[in-house]
Amino acid sequence: MSFRPDTRRGVFNGVINLAKPAGVSSARVVGRVKRLLPRGTKIGHAGTLDPFATGVLLLLVGKATKSCEKLMGERKGYEATIKLGASTSTDDLEGEETVVEVLKQPLEEEVQETARRFVGAIEQRPPAFSAMKIGGQRAYKLARRGEVVEMKARIVTVYSLDVLEYAWPFVRVRIECGRGTYIRAIARDIGEGLGVGGHLTELRRTFVGKFSAAEGVKVEELTAENLESYLRAVD
């Protein structure tokens, strides 16, 4: 099912391609935009981004909320920075670092070879600090209480994973992947594959389907008067 922006004044249906800034949760962004909409207008998003992450956050307005599953199933693109030589409980920069003793820094060829292992249909263990449910509860809530969280591996699809730059201890990568892929987990697994540990320090979502970061609107640019002009069709 797809929707096109409604041309009737005061009726809002469509997708806003928002350029999410760092330092704010996806839920807070949704709440801020909701205040610009007429009372009672539905709004949600198609795939959360962690607070430190930036880039494409698709806000679904009105009848477009019914297209959430379709949009979450679209191919996604990311650019990320991985820090080797240390791991964290969250697999990203929000957790406390545990430094790994590294006797020999990996060569670029080793980094490239390890990265190639994570292309295709791969088994991936989601991070313990994730929104996945275990026994009806979010995994991150259990982890925050200090409970041992055992995440079962599942199959996800990574279409491409390119190493853009490597200068110890940082690796910049570009990734295209399918639904349910955790970039944090890829950072962790590359570090483990190299035997040096690793975690995510930067993440930017560059596209979701046809929606690109280059065309995203900043949240501070949206007003009640101009919001309608940023509504886009699902397809």
C-alpha atoms as a PDB file:
ATOM      1  CA  MET A   1       0.000   0.000   0.000  1.00  0.00           C
ATOM      2  CA  SER A   2       1.343   3.441  -0.870  1.00  0.00           C
ATOM      3  CA  PHE A   3       0.278   6.997  -0.228  1.00  0.00           C
ATOM      4  CA  ARG A   4       0.805  10.316  -1.881  1.00  0.00           C
ATOM      5  CA  PRO A   5       0.747  13.644  -0.076  1.00  0.00           C
ATOM      6  CA  ASP A   6      -2.810  14.918   0.405  1.00  0.00           C
ATOM      7  CA  THR A   7      -3.394  18.298  -1.230  1.00  0.00           C
ATOM      8  CA  ARG A   8      -6.280  19.266   1.033  1.00  0.00           C
ATOM      9  CA  ARG A   9      -5.308  22.026   3.419  1.00  0.00           C
ATOM     10  CA  GLY A  10      -4.855  20.793   6.976  1.00  0.00           C
ATOM     11  CA  VAL A  11      -4.678  17.094   5.969  1.00  0.00           C
ATOM     12  CA  PHE A  12      -1.218  15.562   6.263  1.00  0.00           C
ATOM     13  CA  ASN A  13      -0.300  12.201   4.725  1.00  0.00           C
ATOM     14  CA  GLY A  14       3.176  11.312   3.532  1.00  0.00           C
ATOM     15  CA  VAL A  15       6.833  10.751   4.412  1.00  0.00           C
ATOM     16  CA  ILE A  16       9.246  13.359   5.737  1.00  0.00           C
ATOM     17  CA  ASN A  17      12.876  12.560   4.934  1.00  0.00           C
ATOM     18  CA  LEU A  18      14.448  14.002   8.067  1.00  0.00           C
ATOM     19  CA  ALA A  19      18.192  14.565   8.509  1.00  0.00           C
ATOM     20  CA  LYS A  20      18.553  13.416  12.103  1.00  0.00           C
ATOM     21  CA  PRO A  21      21.235  15.229  14.132  1.00  0.00           C
ATOM     22  CA  ALA A  22      23.512  13.587  16.682  1.00  0.00           C
ATOM     23  CA  GLY A  23      22.700  13.742  20.369  1.00  0.00           C
ATOM     24  CA  VAL A  24      18.950  13.248  20.206  1.00  0.00           C
ATOM     25  CA  SER A  25      16.774  10.132  20.174  1.00  0.00           C
ATOM     26  CA  SER A  26      14.509   9.228  17.275  1.00  0.00           C
ATOM     27  CA  ALA A  27      11.521   9.379  19.643  1.00  0.00           C
ATOM     28  CA  ARG A  28      12.367  12.939  20.636  1.00  0.00           C
ATOM     29  CA  VAL A  29      12.577  13.988  16.991  1.00  0.00           C
ATOM     30  CA  VAL A  30       9.151  12.459  16.352  1.00  0.00           C
ATOM     31  CA  GLY A  31       7.754  14.313  19.360  1.00  0.00           C
ATOM     32  CA  ARG A  32       9.155  17.617  18.165  1.00  0.00           C
ATOM     33  CA  VAL A  33       7.616  17.271  14.704  1.00  0.00           C
ATOM     34  CA  LYS A  34       4.312  16.018  16.149  1.00  0.00           C
ATOM     35  CA  ARG A  35       3.865  19.394  17.856  1.00  0.00           C
ATOM     36  CA  LEU A  36       3.857  21.042  14.428  1.00  0.00           C
ATOM     37  CA  LEU A  37       0.998  18.896  13.147  1.00  0.00           C
ATOM     38  CA  PRO A  38      -2.742  19.353  13.647  1.00  0.00           C
ATOM     39  CA  ARG A  39      -4.029  17.698  16.796  1.00  0.00           C
ATOM     40  CA  GLY A  40      -4.784  14.008  16.291  1.00  0.00           C
ATOM     41  CA  THR A  41      -2.484  13.509  13.287  1.00  0.00           C
ATOM     42  CA  LYS A  42      -0.694  10.167  13.436  1.00  0.00           C
ATOM     43  CA  ILE A  43       3.095  10.162  13.200  1.00  0.00           C
ATOM     44  CA  GLY A  44       5.791   7.530  13.570  1.00  0.00           C
ATOM     45  CA  HIS A  45       9.108   6.519  12.034  1.00  0.00           C
ATOM     46  CA  ALA A  46      10.382   3.678   9.856  1.00  0.00           C
ATOM     47  CA  GLY A  47      13.465   2.444  11.697  1.00  0.00           C
ATOM     48  CA  THR A  48      15.088   4.089  14.692  1.00  0.00           C
ATOM     49  CA  LEU A  49      18.572   5.581  14.847  1.00  0.00           C
ATOM     50  CA  ASP A  50      20.599   5.587  18.064  1.00  0.00           C
ATOM     51  CA  PRO A  51      21.050   9.015  19.683  1.00  0.00           C
ATOM     52  CA  PHE A  52      24.671   9.375  18.478  1.00  0.00           C
ATOM     53  CA  ALA A  53      23.761   8.399  14.901  1.00  0.00           C
ATOM     54  CA  THR A  54      22.844  10.830  12.116  1.00  0.00           C
ATOM     55  CA  GLY A  55      21.259  10.737   8.689  1.00  0.00           C
ATOM     56  CA  VAL A  56      18.014   9.523   7.161  1.00  0.00           C
ATOM     57  CA  LEU A  57      15.132   9.134   9.604  1.00  0.00           C
ATOM     58  CA  LEU A  58      11.857   8.600   7.789  1.00  0.00           C
ATOM     59  CA  LEU A  59       8.911  10.164   9.585  1.00  0.00           C
ATOM     60  CA  LEU A  60       5.559   8.696   8.581  1.00  0.00           C
ATOM     61  CA  VAL A  61       2.613  11.072   8.793  1.00  0.00           C
ATOM     62  CA  GLY A  62      -1.096  10.269   8.663  1.00  0.00           C
ATOM     63  CA  LYS A  63      -2.037   7.345   6.418  1.00  0.00           C
ATOM     64  CA  ALA A  64       1.634   6.839   5.544  1.00  0.00           C
ATOM     65  CA  THR A  65       2.073   5.186   8.967  1.00  0.00           C
ATOM     66  CA  LYS A  66       0.478   2.115   7.336  1.00  0.00           C
ATOM     67  CA  SER A  67       3.556   1.832   5.098  1.00  0.00           C
ATOM     68  CA  CYS A  68       5.949   1.310   8.015  1.00  0.00           C
ATOM     69  CA  GLU A  69       6.652  -2.359   7.256  1.00  0.00           C
ATOM     70  CA  LYS A  70       7.229  -1.652   3.572  1.00  0.00           C
ATOM     71  CA  LEU A  71       9.737   1.112   4.277  1.00  0.00           C
ATOM     72  CA  MET A  72      11.545  -0.834   7.004  1.00  0.00           C
ATOM     73  CA  GLY A  73      12.060  -3.590   4.454  1.00  0.00           C
ATOM     74  CA  GLU A  74      13.875  -1.288   2.014  1.00  0.00           C
ATOM     75  CA  ARG A  75      17.617  -1.538   1.434  1.00  0.00           C
ATOM     76  CA  LYS A  76      19.605   0.849   3.649  1.00  0.00           C
ATOM     77  CA  GLY A  77      22.995   2.507   3.354  1.00  0.00           C
ATOM     78  CA  TYR A  78      25.393   3.553   6.104  1.00  0.00           C
ATOM     79  CA  GLU A  79      28.790   5.108   6.591  1.00  0.00           C
ATOM     80  CA  ALA A  80      30.435   4.240   9.866  1.00  0.00           C
ATOM     81  CA  THR A  81      33.640   4.479  11.865  1.00  0.00           C
ATOM     82  CA  ILE A  82      34.876   1.498  13.849  1.00  0.00           C
ATOM     83  CA  LYS A  83      37.430   1.827  16.624  1.00  0.00           C
ATOM     84  CA  LEU A  84      39.650  -1.225  17.017  1.00  0.00           C
ATOM     85  CA  GLY A  85      41.591  -2.154  20.125  1.00  0.00           C
ATOM     86  CA  ALA A  86      38.690  -1.774  22.558  1.00  0.00           C
ATOM     87  CA  SER A  87      35.213  -3.191  23.061  1.00  0.00           C
ATOM     88  CA  THR A  88      32.167  -1.885  24.929  1.00  0.00           C
ATOM     89  CA  SER A  89      29.079  -3.451  26.481  1.00  0.00           C
ATOM     90  CA  THR A  90      26.858  -1.607  23.998  1.00  0.00           C
ATOM     91  CA  ASP A  91      29.103  -2.222  20.958  1.00  0.00           C
ATOM     92  CA  ASP A  92      29.238   1.544  20.409  1.00  0.00           C
ATOM     93  CA  LEU A  93      30.690   4.664  22.005  1.00  0.00           C
ATOM     94  CA  GLU A  94      27.894   4.913  24.595  1.00  0.00           C
ATOM     95  CA  GLY A  95      29.295   2.016  26.629  1.00  0.00           C
ATOM     96  CA  GLU A  96      32.425   2.018  28.786  1.00  0.00           C
ATOM     97  CA  GLU A  97      35.525   0.950  26.897  1.00  0.00           C
ATOM     98  CA  THR A  98      37.411  -2.202  27.756  1.00  0.00           C
ATOM     99  CA  VAL A  99      40.857  -1.904  26.220  1.00  0.00           C
ATOM    100  CA  VAL A 100      42.212  -4.999  24.505  1.00  0.00           C
ATOM    101  CA  GLU A 101      45.960  -5.645  24.632  1.00  0.00           C
ATOM    102  CA  VAL A 102      47.121  -5.630  21.029  1.00  0.00           C
ATOM    103  CA  LEU A 103      50.547  -7.104  20.369  1.00  0.00           C
ATOM    104  CA  LYS A 104      50.414  -6.495  16.632  1.00  0.00           C
ATOM    105  CA  GLN A 105      48.231  -3.995  14.820  1.00  0.00           C
ATOM    106  CA  PRO A 106      46.327  -5.577  11.913  1.00  0.00           C
ATOM    107  CA  LEU A 107      47.527  -4.782   8.409  1.00  0.00           C
ATOM    108  CA  GLU A 108      45.121  -3.150   5.978  1.00  0.00           C
ATOM    109  CA  GLU A 109      44.962  -6.386   3.991  1.00  0.00           C
ATOM    110  CA  GLU A 110      43.814  -8.219   7.109  1.00  0.00           C
ATOM    111  CA  VAL A 111      41.134  -5.607   7.782  1.00  0.00           C
ATOM    112  CA  GLN A 112      39.887  -5.860   4.200  1.00  0.00           C
ATOM    113  CA  GLU A 113      39.838  -9.658   4.309  1.00  0.00           C
ATOM    114  CA  THR A 114      37.964  -9.726   7.615  1.00  0.00           C
ATOM    115  CA  ALA A 115      35.394  -7.204   6.392  1.00  0.00           C
ATOM    116  CA  ARG A 116      34.640  -9.383   3.357  1.00  0.00           C
ATOM    117  CA  ARG A 117      33.484 -12.187   5.664  1.00  0.00           C
ATOM    118  CA  PHE A 118      30.440 -10.125   6.579  1.00  0.00           C
ATOM    119  CA  VAL A 119      28.978  -9.752   3.097  1.00  0.00           C
ATOM    120  CA  GLY A 120      26.006 -11.841   2.000  1.00  0.00           C
ATOM    121  CA  ALA A 121      23.468 -13.707   4.108  1.00  0.00           C
ATOM    122  CA  ILE A 122      25.296 -13.852   7.440  1.00  0.00           C
ATOM    123  CA  GLU A 123      24.535 -14.977  10.970  1.00  0.00           C
ATOM    124  CA  GLN A 124      24.524 -11.985  13.277  1.00  0.00           C
ATOM    125  CA  ARG A 125      24.105 -11.833  17.040  1.00  0.00           C
ATOM    126  CA  PRO A 126      22.238  -8.630  17.954  1.00  0.00           C
ATOM    127  CA  PRO A 127      23.786  -6.407  20.645  1.00  0.00           C
ATOM    128  CA  ALA A 128      22.685  -7.038  24.228  1.00  0.00           C
ATOM    129  CA  PHE A 129      21.736  -3.371  24.430  1.00  0.00           C
ATOM    130  CA  SER A 130      19.095  -3.494  21.699  1.00  0.00           C
ATOM    131  CA  ALA A 131      15.333  -3.094  21.407  1.00  0.00           C
ATOM    132  CA  MET A 132      14.791  -6.776  20.639  1.00  0.00           C
ATOM    133  CA  LYS A 133      12.476  -8.579  23.041  1.00  0.00           C
ATOM    134  CA  ILE A 134      13.448 -11.477  25.277  1.00  0.00           C
ATOM    135  CA  GLY A 135      10.568 -13.033  27.189  1.00  0.00           C
ATOM    136  CA  GLY A 136       8.433  -9.998  26.415  1.00  0.00           C
ATOM    137  CA  GLN A 137      10.991  -7.458  27.678  1.00  0.00           C
ATOM    138  CA  ARG A 138      13.388  -5.242  25.743  1.00  0.00           C
ATOM    139  CA  ALA A 139      16.916  -6.615  25.833  1.00  0.00           C
ATOM    140  CA  TYR A 140      18.434  -3.255  26.783  1.00  0.00           C
ATOM    141  CA  LYS A 141      16.223  -3.035  29.882  1.00  0.00           C
ATOM    142  CA  LEU A 142      17.442  -6.429  31.058  1.00  0.00           C
ATOM    143  CA  ALA A 143      21.058  -5.489  30.306  1.00  0.00           C
ATOM    144  CA  ARG A 144      20.750  -2.222  32.225  1.00  0.00           C
ATOM    145  CA  ARG A 145      19.590  -4.182  35.266  1.00  0.00           C
ATOM    146  CA  GLY A 146      22.775  -6.207  35.075  1.00  0.00           C
ATOM    147  CA  GLU A 147      21.067  -9.387  33.893  1.00  0.00           C
ATOM    148  CA  VAL A 148      22.914 -11.700  31.536  1.00  0.00           C
ATOM    149  CA  VAL A 149      21.331 -11.299  28.106  1.00  0.00           C
ATOM    150  CA  GLU A 150      21.876 -14.118  25.624  1.00  0.00           C
ATOM    151  CA  MET A 151      21.011 -12.949  22.135  1.00  0.00           C
ATOM    152  CA  LYS A 152      20.376 -15.628  19.531  1.00  0.00           C
ATOM    153  CA  ALA A 153      22.066 -15.180  16.171  1.00  0.00           C
ATOM    154  CA  ARG A 154      19.824 -14.657  13.161  1.00  0.00           C
ATOM    155  CA  ILE A 155      20.295 -14.322   9.433  1.00  0.00           C
ATOM    156  CA  VAL A 156      20.627 -10.805   8.007  1.00  0.00           C
ATOM    157  CA  THR A 157      21.710  -9.640   4.560  1.00  0.00           C
ATOM    158  CA  VAL A 158      24.676  -7.379   3.896  1.00  0.00           C
ATOM    159  CA  TYR A 159      24.817  -6.443   0.212  1.00  0.00           C
ATOM    160  CA  SER A 160      28.182  -4.699   0.354  1.00  0.00           C
ATOM    161  CA  LEU A 161      30.795  -3.686   2.922  1.00  0.00           C
ATOM    162  CA  ASP A 162      33.622  -1.481   1.687  1.00  0.00           C
ATOM    163  CA  VAL A 163      36.594  -0.342   3.754  1.00  0.00           C
ATOM    164  CA  LEU A 164      37.043   3.321   2.839  1.00  0.00           C
ATOM    165  CA  GLU A 165      39.980   4.136   5.082  1.00  0.00           C
ATOM    166  CA  TYR A 166      42.121   2.457   7.719  1.00  0.00           C
ATOM    167  CA  ALA A 167      44.439   4.268  10.099  1.00  0.00           C
ATOM    168  CA  TRP A 168      44.871   2.395  13.362  1.00  0.00           C
ATOM    169  CA  PRO A 169      42.771   2.235  15.447  1.00  0.00           C
ATOM    170  CA  PHE A 170      39.997   3.593  13.186  1.00  0.00           C
ATOM    171  CA  VAL A 171      38.325   1.949  10.193  1.00  0.00           C
ATOM    172  CA  ARG A 172      35.832   3.831   8.022  1.00  0.00           C
ATOM    173  CA  VAL A 173      33.351   1.631   6.177  1.00  0.00           C
ATOM    174  CA  ARG A 174      30.419   1.949   3.796  1.00  0.00           C
ATOM    175  CA  ILE A 175      27.651  -0.625   4.162  1.00  0.00           C
ATOM    176  CA  GLU A 176      24.499  -1.516   2.257  1.00  0.00           C
ATOM    177  CA  CYS A 177      22.241  -3.947   4.054  1.00  0.00           C
ATOM    178  CA  GLY A 178      18.755  -5.300   4.558  1.00  0.00           C
ATOM    179  CA  ARG A 179      16.296  -5.114   7.410  1.00  0.00           C
ATOM    180  CA  GLY A 180      17.385  -6.011  10.938  1.00  0.00           C
ATOM    181  CA  THR A 181      21.121  -5.556  10.397  1.00  0.00           C
ATOM    182  CA  TYR A 182      22.937  -4.011  13.344  1.00  0.00           C
ATOM    183  CA  ILE A 183      25.938  -1.941  12.255  1.00  0.00           C
ATOM    184  CA  ARG A 184      27.134  -2.017  15.857  1.00  0.00           C
ATOM    185  CA  ALA A 185      27.271  -5.795  15.643  1.00  0.00           C
ATOM    186  CA  ILE A 186      29.307  -5.624  12.427  1.00  0.00           C
ATOM    187  CA  ALA A 187      31.805  -3.327  14.172  1.00  0.00           C
ATOM    188  CA  ARG A 188      32.015  -5.748  17.107  1.00  0.00           C
ATOM    189  CA  ASP A 189      32.389  -8.800  14.872  1.00  0.00           C
ATOM    190  CA  ILE A 190      35.087  -7.255  12.679  1.00  0.00           C
ATOM    191  CA  GLY A 191      37.043  -6.415  15.825  1.00  0.00           C
ATOM    192  CA  GLU A 192      36.586  -9.948  17.146  1.00  0.00           C
ATOM    193  CA  GLY A 193      37.562 -11.401  13.771  1.00  0.00           C
ATOM    194  CA  LEU A 194      40.815  -9.458  13.911  1.00  0.00           C
ATOM    195  CA  GLY A 195      41.380 -10.527  17.497  1.00  0.00           C
ATOM    196  CA  VAL A 196      41.625  -6.946  18.750  1.00  0.00           C
ATOM    197  CA  GLY A 197      38.084  -6.010  19.746  1.00  0.00           C
ATOM    198  CA  GLY A 198      36.091  -3.215  18.186  1.00  0.00           C
ATOM    199  CA  HIS A 199      33.090  -0.951  18.538  1.00  0.00           C
ATOM    200  CA  LEU A 200      31.197   1.700  16.613  1.00  0.00           C
ATOM    201  CA  THR A 201      32.069   5.368  17.173  1.00  0.00           C
ATOM    202  CA  GLU A 202      30.242   7.106  14.304  1.00  0.00           C
ATOM    203  CA  LEU A 203      27.206   6.169  12.210  1.00  0.00           C
ATOM    204  CA  ARG A 204      25.410   7.962   9.407  1.00  0.00           C
ATOM    205  CA  ARG A 205      22.478   6.470   7.524  1.00  0.00           C
ATOM    206  CA  THR A 206      22.947   7.609   3.938  1.00  0.00           C
ATOM    207  CA  PHE A 207      19.765   6.265   2.394  1.00  0.00           C
ATOM    208  CA  VAL A 208      16.624   4.196   2.891  1.00  0.00           C
ATOM    209  CA  GLY A 209      15.254   2.985  -0.442  1.00  0.00           C
ATOM    210  CA  LYS A 210      14.767   6.066  -2.632  1.00  0.00           C
ATOM    211  CA  PHE A 211      15.248   8.511   0.270  1.00  0.00           C
ATOM    212  CA  SER A 212      18.797   9.892   0.531  1.00  0.00           C
ATOM    213  CA  ALA A 213      20.575  11.900   3.212  1.00  0.00           C
ATOM    214  CA  ALA A 214      21.466  14.574   0.649  1.00  0.00           C
ATOM    215  CA  GLU A 215      17.766  15.418   0.319  1.00  0.00           C
ATOM    216  CA  GLY A 216      16.910  15.324   4.026  1.00  0.00           C
ATOM    217  CA  VAL A 217      15.439  18.303   5.868  1.00  0.00           C
ATOM    218  CA  LYS A 218      16.813  19.431   9.225  1.00  0.00           C
ATOM    219  CA  VAL A 219      14.342  19.351  12.088  1.00  0.00           C
ATOM    220  CA  GLU A 220      14.958  23.037  12.886  1.00  0.00           C
ATOM    221  CA  GLU A 221      13.937  23.947   9.331  1.00  0.00           C
ATOM    222  CA  LEU A 222      10.453  22.499   9.766  1.00  0.00           C
ATOM    223  CA  THR A 223       7.590  24.763  10.785  1.00  0.00           C
ATOM    224  CA  ALA A 224       3.830  24.321  10.997  1.00  0.00           C
ATOM    225  CA  GLU A 225       3.573  26.498   7.889  1.00  0.00           C
ATOM    226  CA  ASN A 226       6.093  24.691   5.655  1.00  0.00           C
ATOM    227  CA  LEU A 227       5.856  21.092   6.883  1.00  0.00           C
ATOM    228  CA  GLU A 228       3.323  20.134   4.206  1.00  0.00           C
ATOM    229  CA  SER A 229       5.806  20.993   1.466  1.00  0.00           C
ATOM    230  CA  TYR A 230       8.242  18.337   2.776  1.00  0.00           C
ATOM    231  CA  LEU A 231       5.752  15.459   2.588  1.00  0.00           C
ATOM    232  CA  ARG A 232       6.743  12.848   0.015  1.00  0.00           C
ATOM    233  CA  ALA A 233       5.040   9.805  -1.479  1.00  0.00           C
ATOM    234  CA  VAL A 234       6.009   6.353  -0.239  1.00  0.00           C
ATOM    235  CA  ASP A 235       6.639   5.178  -3.822  1.00  0.00           C
END
